[in-house]
Amino acid sequence: MSDERERMAVPSDDEPQDEASFEMRVFVVGHLQTMCYAVISNRLRPDGKRPCLVVDPGASGAAIAERLADVAVELVVATHGHADHVSGVADFCAATGAPFAMAAADVERATHARQWSSHQAPETTDAPTPDRILADGDEVEVGALRFRVIAVPGHTPGGIVLAGVEGSEAEGLAFVGDTIFAGSVGRTDLAGGDYAQLMDSLARLVRELPDETVLCCGHGDTTTMGHERRTNPFLLGLGC
């Protein structure tokens, strides 16, 4: 694990939602520098701990768990099944006891990550069988954080976005995996990738996510939906 960041920078031309209602811890893991996010609600549990959702522990699962020993991890979600996003899940769940969730279409590639991976890094590890299957329209709730699941096939068949629900602590926040990056989008040349599907998924995000939504990407910097809609060459003209 090469880095830990307590806050994330966003472009200045959009005003993000107030983040004071939750805490975010960001871990940069693995040889592909995957962004693992831990979002922590400020609504205390009966045991006095704050509930936490972890997204994409792509490596260093045990080390991430140590950094989160002061909170109660209630769920681990993978935005898709590529090895660099799931290779830390087994160790993390073993250390925390947290359940694991992802979309059905990517379970095979996640639970056989070593077989599917095009990058045989030392940290590549198969994910466990998920405890929960997420589908389009489902909601994920951890403390006062609520997210809506948006299916975004294209980078992989089972890619998902977690979009914060209006009125919850997570409003204005979205975990987008490798579907969209600051200035770019996810690749579609790997097994299961589909460029036409990716463009349809991106058009849906442009239509459904407000401009001020902070996008927490699977690699690189955070951004906002409005910034990408106006400047990302892959998004220009989408969602109209």
Protein backbone atom coordinates (compact mmCIF):
# COMPACT_ATOMS: atom_id res chain seq x y z
CA MET A 1 0.00 0.00 0.00
CA SER A 2 1.75 3.08 -1.24
CA ASP A 3 -0.34 5.95 0.05
CA GLU A 4 -3.22 7.01 2.28
CA ARG A 5 -5.14 10.21 1.73
CA GLU A 6 -7.68 11.67 4.11
CA ARG A 7 -9.22 14.11 1.62
CA MET A 8 -9.61 14.26 -2.14
CA ALA A 9 -9.15 17.22 -4.47
CA VAL A 10 -11.93 18.14 -6.90
CA PRO A 11 -11.89 20.61 -9.79
CA SER A 12 -12.68 24.13 -8.69
CA ASP A 13 -15.25 24.95 -11.38
CA ASP A 14 -17.96 22.86 -9.69
CA GLU A 15 -18.99 23.22 -6.07
CA PRO A 16 -19.06 19.75 -4.44
CA GLN A 17 -21.46 18.81 -1.70
CA ASP A 18 -20.39 19.46 1.89
CA GLU A 19 -18.35 16.46 3.03
CA ALA A 20 -18.51 17.31 6.75
CA SER A 21 -21.20 14.68 7.34
CA PHE A 22 -18.84 11.77 6.68
CA GLU A 23 -15.16 10.91 6.66
CA MET A 24 -13.33 9.55 3.64
CA ARG A 25 -10.10 7.57 3.77
CA VAL A 26 -8.41 6.72 0.47
CA PHE A 27 -5.80 4.02 0.02
CA VAL A 28 -3.71 3.68 -3.15
CA VAL A 29 -2.92 -0.01 -3.57
CA GLY A 30 -1.26 -2.49 -5.91
CA HIS A 31 0.96 -2.18 -8.95
CA LEU A 32 -1.78 -0.41 -10.91
CA GLN A 33 -2.30 2.18 -8.15
CA THR A 34 -5.95 1.34 -7.57
CA MET A 35 -7.96 3.71 -5.41
CA CYS A 36 -9.62 1.96 -2.47
CA TYR A 37 -12.17 4.13 -0.67
CA ALA A 38 -13.44 3.85 2.89
CA VAL A 39 -16.40 6.13 3.52
CA ILE A 40 -17.37 6.42 7.17
CA SER A 41 -20.76 7.57 8.41
CA ASN A 42 -21.00 9.88 11.39
CA ARG A 43 -24.09 8.06 12.68
CA LEU A 44 -22.77 6.08 15.64
CA ARG A 45 -23.69 2.43 16.14
CA PRO A 46 -24.86 1.16 19.56
CA ASP A 47 -21.29 -0.01 20.20
CA GLY A 48 -20.03 3.55 19.76
CA LYS A 49 -18.21 2.89 16.48
CA ARG A 50 -18.90 4.63 13.20
CA PRO A 51 -20.13 2.38 10.36
CA CYS A 52 -17.97 2.16 7.24
CA LEU A 53 -18.36 1.12 3.61
CA VAL A 54 -15.23 0.01 1.74
CA VAL A 55 -15.07 0.14 -2.05
CA ASP A 56 -12.53 -1.73 -4.19
CA PRO A 57 -9.82 -3.11 -1.87
CA GLY A 58 -7.66 -4.15 -4.81
CA ALA A 59 -4.65 -5.27 -2.76
CA SER A 60 -3.20 -4.99 0.75
CA GLY A 61 -6.46 -6.12 2.34
CA ALA A 62 -4.96 -6.86 5.76
CA ALA A 63 -3.08 -3.54 5.84
CA ILE A 64 -6.24 -1.60 4.95
CA ALA A 65 -8.12 -3.43 7.69
CA GLU A 66 -5.49 -2.30 10.22
CA ARG A 67 -5.99 1.32 9.16
CA LEU A 68 -9.74 0.93 9.74
CA ALA A 69 -9.56 -0.75 13.15
CA ASP A 70 -11.27 2.25 14.76
CA VAL A 71 -14.47 1.90 12.69
CA ALA A 72 -16.99 -0.86 12.00
CA VAL A 73 -16.79 -2.03 8.38
CA GLU A 74 -20.30 -3.18 7.50
CA LEU A 75 -19.90 -3.88 3.78
CA VAL A 76 -17.25 -4.27 1.07
CA VAL A 77 -18.29 -3.53 -2.52
CA ALA A 78 -16.41 -4.14 -5.76
CA THR A 79 -17.32 -1.83 -8.62
CA HIS A 80 -16.24 -4.57 -11.03
CA GLY A 81 -14.37 -7.85 -11.08
CA HIS A 82 -10.90 -7.01 -12.36
CA ALA A 83 -8.06 -8.32 -10.23
CA ASP A 84 -6.71 -4.87 -9.36
CA HIS A 85 -10.05 -4.08 -7.68
CA VAL A 86 -10.72 -7.35 -5.84
CA SER A 87 -7.37 -8.92 -4.92
CA GLY A 88 -7.48 -7.50 -1.40
CA VAL A 89 -11.06 -8.55 -0.68
CA ALA A 90 -10.33 -12.01 0.77
CA ASP A 91 -7.75 -10.77 3.28
CA PHE A 92 -9.81 -7.72 4.15
CA CYS A 93 -12.99 -9.68 4.80
CA ALA A 94 -11.07 -12.28 6.79
CA ALA A 95 -9.66 -9.53 9.00
CA THR A 96 -12.90 -7.58 9.49
CA GLY A 97 -15.68 -10.14 9.06
CA ALA A 98 -17.41 -7.75 6.67
CA PRO A 99 -19.69 -9.16 3.94
CA PHE A 100 -18.77 -8.71 0.28
CA ALA A 101 -21.07 -7.51 -2.52
CA MET A 102 -20.82 -7.08 -6.28
CA ALA A 103 -22.82 -7.54 -9.48
CA ALA A 104 -23.57 -11.06 -10.73
CA ALA A 105 -22.07 -10.60 -14.18
CA ASP A 106 -18.55 -10.10 -12.78
CA VAL A 107 -18.53 -12.80 -10.10
CA GLU A 108 -16.74 -15.33 -12.30
CA ARG A 109 -13.86 -13.00 -13.16
CA ALA A 110 -13.54 -11.83 -9.53
CA THR A 111 -13.53 -15.29 -7.95
CA HIS A 112 -11.04 -16.48 -10.60
CA ALA A 113 -9.03 -13.26 -10.74
CA ARG A 114 -5.70 -15.01 -11.24
CA GLN A 115 -7.08 -16.83 -14.27
CA TRP A 116 -8.69 -13.73 -15.81
CA SER A 117 -5.99 -11.21 -15.01
CA SER A 118 -3.88 -9.78 -17.81
CA HIS A 119 -1.41 -8.48 -15.17
CA GLN A 120 -0.06 -11.33 -13.07
CA ALA A 121 1.15 -9.17 -10.21
CA PRO A 122 2.33 -10.80 -6.98
CA GLU A 123 -0.72 -9.43 -5.15
CA THR A 124 -3.26 -10.96 -7.57
CA THR A 125 -5.64 -13.07 -5.48
CA ASP A 126 -9.05 -14.57 -6.16
CA ALA A 127 -11.97 -12.85 -4.45
CA PRO A 128 -14.32 -14.86 -2.23
CA THR A 129 -17.83 -15.70 -3.35
CA PRO A 130 -19.91 -12.59 -2.68
CA ASP A 131 -22.37 -12.59 0.21
CA ARG A 132 -24.70 -10.26 -1.66
CA ILE A 133 -25.42 -9.74 -5.34
CA LEU A 134 -26.10 -6.17 -6.40
CA ALA A 135 -28.41 -5.30 -9.29
CA ASP A 136 -29.41 -2.07 -11.00
CA GLY A 137 -31.67 -0.03 -8.74
CA ASP A 138 -30.66 -1.74 -5.49
CA GLU A 139 -29.71 0.39 -2.52
CA VAL A 140 -26.71 0.02 -0.24
CA GLU A 141 -27.09 1.49 3.24
CA VAL A 142 -24.35 1.87 5.84
CA GLY A 143 -25.17 4.10 8.78
CA ALA A 144 -26.61 7.31 7.36
CA LEU A 145 -24.95 6.64 3.99
CA ARG A 146 -27.26 5.44 1.21
CA PHE A 147 -26.21 4.63 -2.32
CA ARG A 148 -28.17 3.61 -5.41
CA VAL A 149 -26.65 0.93 -7.62
CA ILE A 150 -26.37 1.92 -11.29
CA ALA A 151 -25.40 -0.82 -13.73
CA VAL A 152 -22.67 0.45 -16.08
CA PRO A 153 -21.58 -2.41 -18.39
CA GLY A 154 -18.83 -1.65 -20.85
CA HIS A 155 -15.48 -1.81 -19.08
CA THR A 156 -16.70 -5.18 -17.79
CA PRO A 157 -20.15 -6.78 -18.08
CA GLY A 158 -20.85 -6.36 -14.37
CA GLY A 159 -19.58 -2.87 -13.71
CA ILE A 160 -21.57 -0.76 -11.25
CA VAL A 161 -21.58 2.78 -9.89
CA LEU A 162 -22.64 3.59 -6.34
CA ALA A 163 -24.44 6.94 -6.45
CA GLY A 164 -25.29 8.74 -3.23
CA VAL A 165 -29.02 9.00 -2.53
CA GLU A 166 -30.50 12.47 -2.11
CA GLY A 167 -31.04 13.35 1.52
CA SER A 168 -28.49 10.88 2.86
CA GLU A 169 -24.93 11.57 4.02
CA ALA A 170 -23.76 10.26 0.64
CA GLU A 171 -25.66 12.81 -1.44
CA GLY A 172 -23.40 14.29 -4.10
CA LEU A 173 -20.92 11.40 -4.07
CA ALA A 174 -20.44 8.55 -6.55
CA PHE A 175 -17.99 5.66 -6.72
CA VAL A 176 -17.51 5.04 -10.43
CA GLY A 177 -14.78 2.40 -10.60
CA ASP A 178 -13.09 2.27 -13.99
CA THR A 179 -16.10 3.47 -15.98
CA ILE A 180 -14.95 7.09 -16.04
CA PHE A 181 -11.75 8.87 -15.09
CA ALA A 182 -10.69 12.50 -14.95
CA GLY A 183 -10.35 13.27 -18.65
CA SER A 184 -10.81 9.71 -19.87
CA VAL A 185 -12.88 6.51 -19.60
CA GLY A 186 -12.28 2.83 -18.92
CA ARG A 187 -10.68 0.61 -21.53
CA THR A 188 -12.81 -1.91 -23.44
CA ASP A 189 -10.14 -4.04 -25.09
CA LEU A 190 -9.99 -6.61 -22.28
CA ALA A 191 -12.19 -9.71 -22.16
CA GLY A 192 -15.81 -8.73 -21.67
CA GLY A 193 -15.27 -5.11 -22.67
CA ASP A 194 -17.77 -3.48 -25.01
CA TYR A 195 -17.27 0.07 -26.26
CA ALA A 196 -20.88 0.59 -27.36
CA GLN A 197 -22.14 -0.51 -23.96
CA LEU A 198 -19.62 1.76 -22.24
CA MET A 199 -20.83 4.77 -24.21
CA ASP A 200 -24.44 3.95 -23.32
CA SER A 201 -23.42 3.70 -19.65
CA LEU A 202 -21.61 7.03 -19.80
CA ALA A 203 -24.63 8.67 -21.41
CA ARG A 204 -26.78 7.37 -18.56
CA LEU A 205 -24.42 8.81 -15.96
CA VAL A 206 -24.47 12.18 -17.70
CA ARG A 207 -28.28 12.14 -17.60
CA GLU A 208 -28.69 10.89 -14.03
CA LEU A 209 -25.85 12.39 -12.00
CA PRO A 210 -26.01 16.12 -11.18
CA ASP A 211 -23.07 18.23 -12.29
CA GLU A 212 -21.90 18.77 -8.70
CA THR A 213 -21.57 15.03 -8.05
CA VAL A 214 -18.04 14.15 -6.92
CA LEU A 215 -16.78 11.15 -8.90
CA CYS A 216 -14.44 8.86 -6.98
CA CYS A 217 -12.59 7.05 -9.75
CA GLY A 218 -10.86 3.69 -9.69
CA HIS A 219 -7.52 5.25 -10.60
CA GLY A 220 -6.19 8.78 -10.41
CA ASP A 221 -7.83 11.97 -9.20
CA THR A 222 -11.41 12.61 -8.24
CA THR A 223 -13.45 14.89 -10.47
CA THR A 224 -17.04 16.06 -10.86
CA MET A 225 -19.74 15.06 -13.29
CA GLY A 226 -20.06 18.61 -14.57
CA HIS A 227 -16.33 18.96 -15.19
CA GLU A 228 -16.26 15.72 -17.16
CA ARG A 229 -19.45 16.50 -19.07
CA ARG A 230 -17.88 19.76 -20.27
CA THR A 231 -14.28 18.68 -20.83
CA ASN A 232 -13.95 14.91 -21.19
CA PRO A 233 -13.71 14.18 -24.94
CA PHE A 234 -15.55 10.88 -24.53
CA LEU A 235 -18.55 12.57 -22.91
CA LEU A 236 -19.04 15.58 -25.16
CA GLY A 237 -22.52 15.41 -26.62
CA LEU A 238 -23.66 12.47 -24.49
CA GLY A 239 -26.89 12.51 -22.53
CA CYS A 240 -28.48 15.21 -24.65
